[in-house]
Amino acid sequence: MTKPREKTREELTAEIEDSKKKIQQYENREKILRQKLSREERRERNHRLIVRGAVFESIVPEAKNMTDEEATALLRLALTSEPAREYLKKRAEGATS
């Protein structure tokens, strides 16, 4: 059986360089994919915020004329009520079961 030919120093150096290029290409591809993922997550969050804001304004039409601080105060007041706390507590317990 014949022994495989040993690679020359130049061939090994070229193989190292090729490997470095491939690594760089994979790192660039990873960066592109992470950016796409970030954009998609941001798009989903924006959509969720818009939908929930629209729901809030449909339930409280006066919210359209409120300042951000007034709307925040209203939501804090509403969500710290006993029924709201009970609802959130039950929901949290259901999510952990």
Protein backbone atom coordinates (compact mmCIF):
# COMPACT_ATOMS: atom_id res chain seq x y z
CA MET A 1 0.00 0.00 0.00
CA THR A 2 1.38 3.42 -0.93
CA LYS A 3 1.74 6.16 1.59
CA PRO A 4 -0.19 9.40 0.84
CA ARG A 5 2.01 12.24 -0.39
CA GLU A 6 2.99 14.80 2.23
CA LYS A 7 1.77 18.32 1.51
CA THR A 8 4.36 20.94 0.83
CA ARG A 9 4.80 24.00 3.02
CA GLU A 10 3.17 26.15 0.31
CA GLU A 11 0.17 23.85 0.06
CA LEU A 12 -0.30 23.91 3.84
CA THR A 13 0.01 27.72 3.89
CA ALA A 14 -2.56 28.00 1.09
CA GLU A 15 -4.90 25.65 2.95
CA ILE A 16 -4.56 27.80 6.10
CA GLU A 17 -5.37 30.92 4.10
CA ASP A 18 -8.41 29.26 2.54
CA SER A 19 -9.59 28.21 5.97
CA LYS A 20 -9.15 31.77 7.27
CA LYS A 21 -11.23 33.10 4.35
CA LYS A 22 -13.97 30.56 5.08
CA ILE A 23 -13.97 31.54 8.74
CA GLN A 24 -14.34 35.20 7.77
CA GLN A 25 -17.18 34.34 5.39
CA TYR A 26 -19.00 32.40 8.13
CA GLU A 27 -18.48 35.25 10.60
CA ASN A 28 -19.90 37.71 8.06
CA ARG A 29 -22.85 35.40 7.41
CA GLU A 30 -23.47 35.12 11.15
CA LYS A 31 -23.42 38.92 11.45
CA ILE A 32 -25.95 39.25 8.62
CA LEU A 33 -28.24 36.63 10.17
CA ARG A 34 -28.05 38.31 13.60
CA GLN A 35 -29.00 41.63 11.99
CA LYS A 36 -31.97 40.00 10.25
CA LEU A 37 -33.07 38.43 13.52
CA SER A 38 -32.76 41.76 15.31
CA ARG A 39 -34.82 43.52 12.62
CA GLU A 40 -37.51 40.83 12.81
CA GLU A 41 -37.67 41.03 16.61
CA ARG A 42 -37.90 44.84 16.40
CA ARG A 43 -40.67 44.59 13.76
CA GLU A 44 -42.65 42.17 15.93
CA ARG A 45 -42.25 44.43 18.98
CA ASN A 46 -43.34 47.51 17.02
CA HIS A 47 -46.39 45.66 15.74
CA ARG A 48 -47.30 44.49 19.24
CA LEU A 49 -46.96 48.02 20.65
CA ILE A 50 -49.09 49.52 17.89
CA VAL A 51 -51.82 46.91 18.30
CA ARG A 52 -51.91 47.32 22.09
CA GLY A 53 -51.93 51.10 21.80
CA ALA A 54 -54.87 50.85 19.41
CA VAL A 55 -56.71 48.56 21.83
CA PHE A 56 -56.09 51.03 24.66
CA GLU A 57 -57.42 53.93 22.57
CA SER A 58 -60.46 51.92 21.48
CA ILE A 59 -61.32 51.15 25.12
CA VAL A 60 -60.47 54.65 26.38
CA PRO A 61 -61.29 57.09 23.54
CA GLU A 62 -60.24 59.98 25.81
CA ALA A 63 -56.69 58.62 25.65
CA LYS A 64 -56.25 60.31 22.28
CA ASN A 65 -56.28 63.67 24.04
CA MET A 66 -54.17 62.62 27.03
CA THR A 67 -50.50 63.33 27.50
CA ASP A 68 -48.15 60.37 27.87
CA GLU A 69 -47.95 61.08 31.59
CA GLU A 70 -51.75 61.10 31.95
CA ALA A 71 -52.11 57.85 30.02
CA THR A 72 -49.40 56.28 32.17
CA ALA A 73 -51.13 57.45 35.36
CA LEU A 74 -54.45 56.00 34.15
CA LEU A 75 -52.88 52.63 33.32
CA ARG A 76 -51.05 52.52 36.66
CA LEU A 77 -54.27 53.27 38.49
CA ALA A 78 -56.23 50.68 36.53
CA LEU A 79 -53.59 47.97 36.82
CA THR A 80 -53.00 48.40 40.54
CA SER A 81 -56.68 47.79 41.34
CA GLU A 82 -57.47 44.61 43.23
CA PRO A 83 -59.31 42.93 40.29
CA ALA A 84 -56.42 43.70 37.94
CA ARG A 85 -53.85 42.32 40.41
CA GLU A 86 -55.92 39.15 40.90
CA TYR A 87 -56.22 38.67 37.13
CA LEU A 88 -52.47 39.13 36.63
CA LYS A 89 -51.69 36.80 39.54
CA LYS A 90 -53.94 34.04 38.14
CA ARG A 91 -52.47 34.53 34.69
CA ALA A 92 -48.92 34.24 36.05
CA GLU A 93 -49.81 31.09 37.95
CA GLY A 94 -51.37 29.58 34.82
CA ALA A 95 -48.22 30.34 32.80
CA THR A 96 -45.98 28.51 35.29
CA SER A 97 -48.14 25.36 35.47
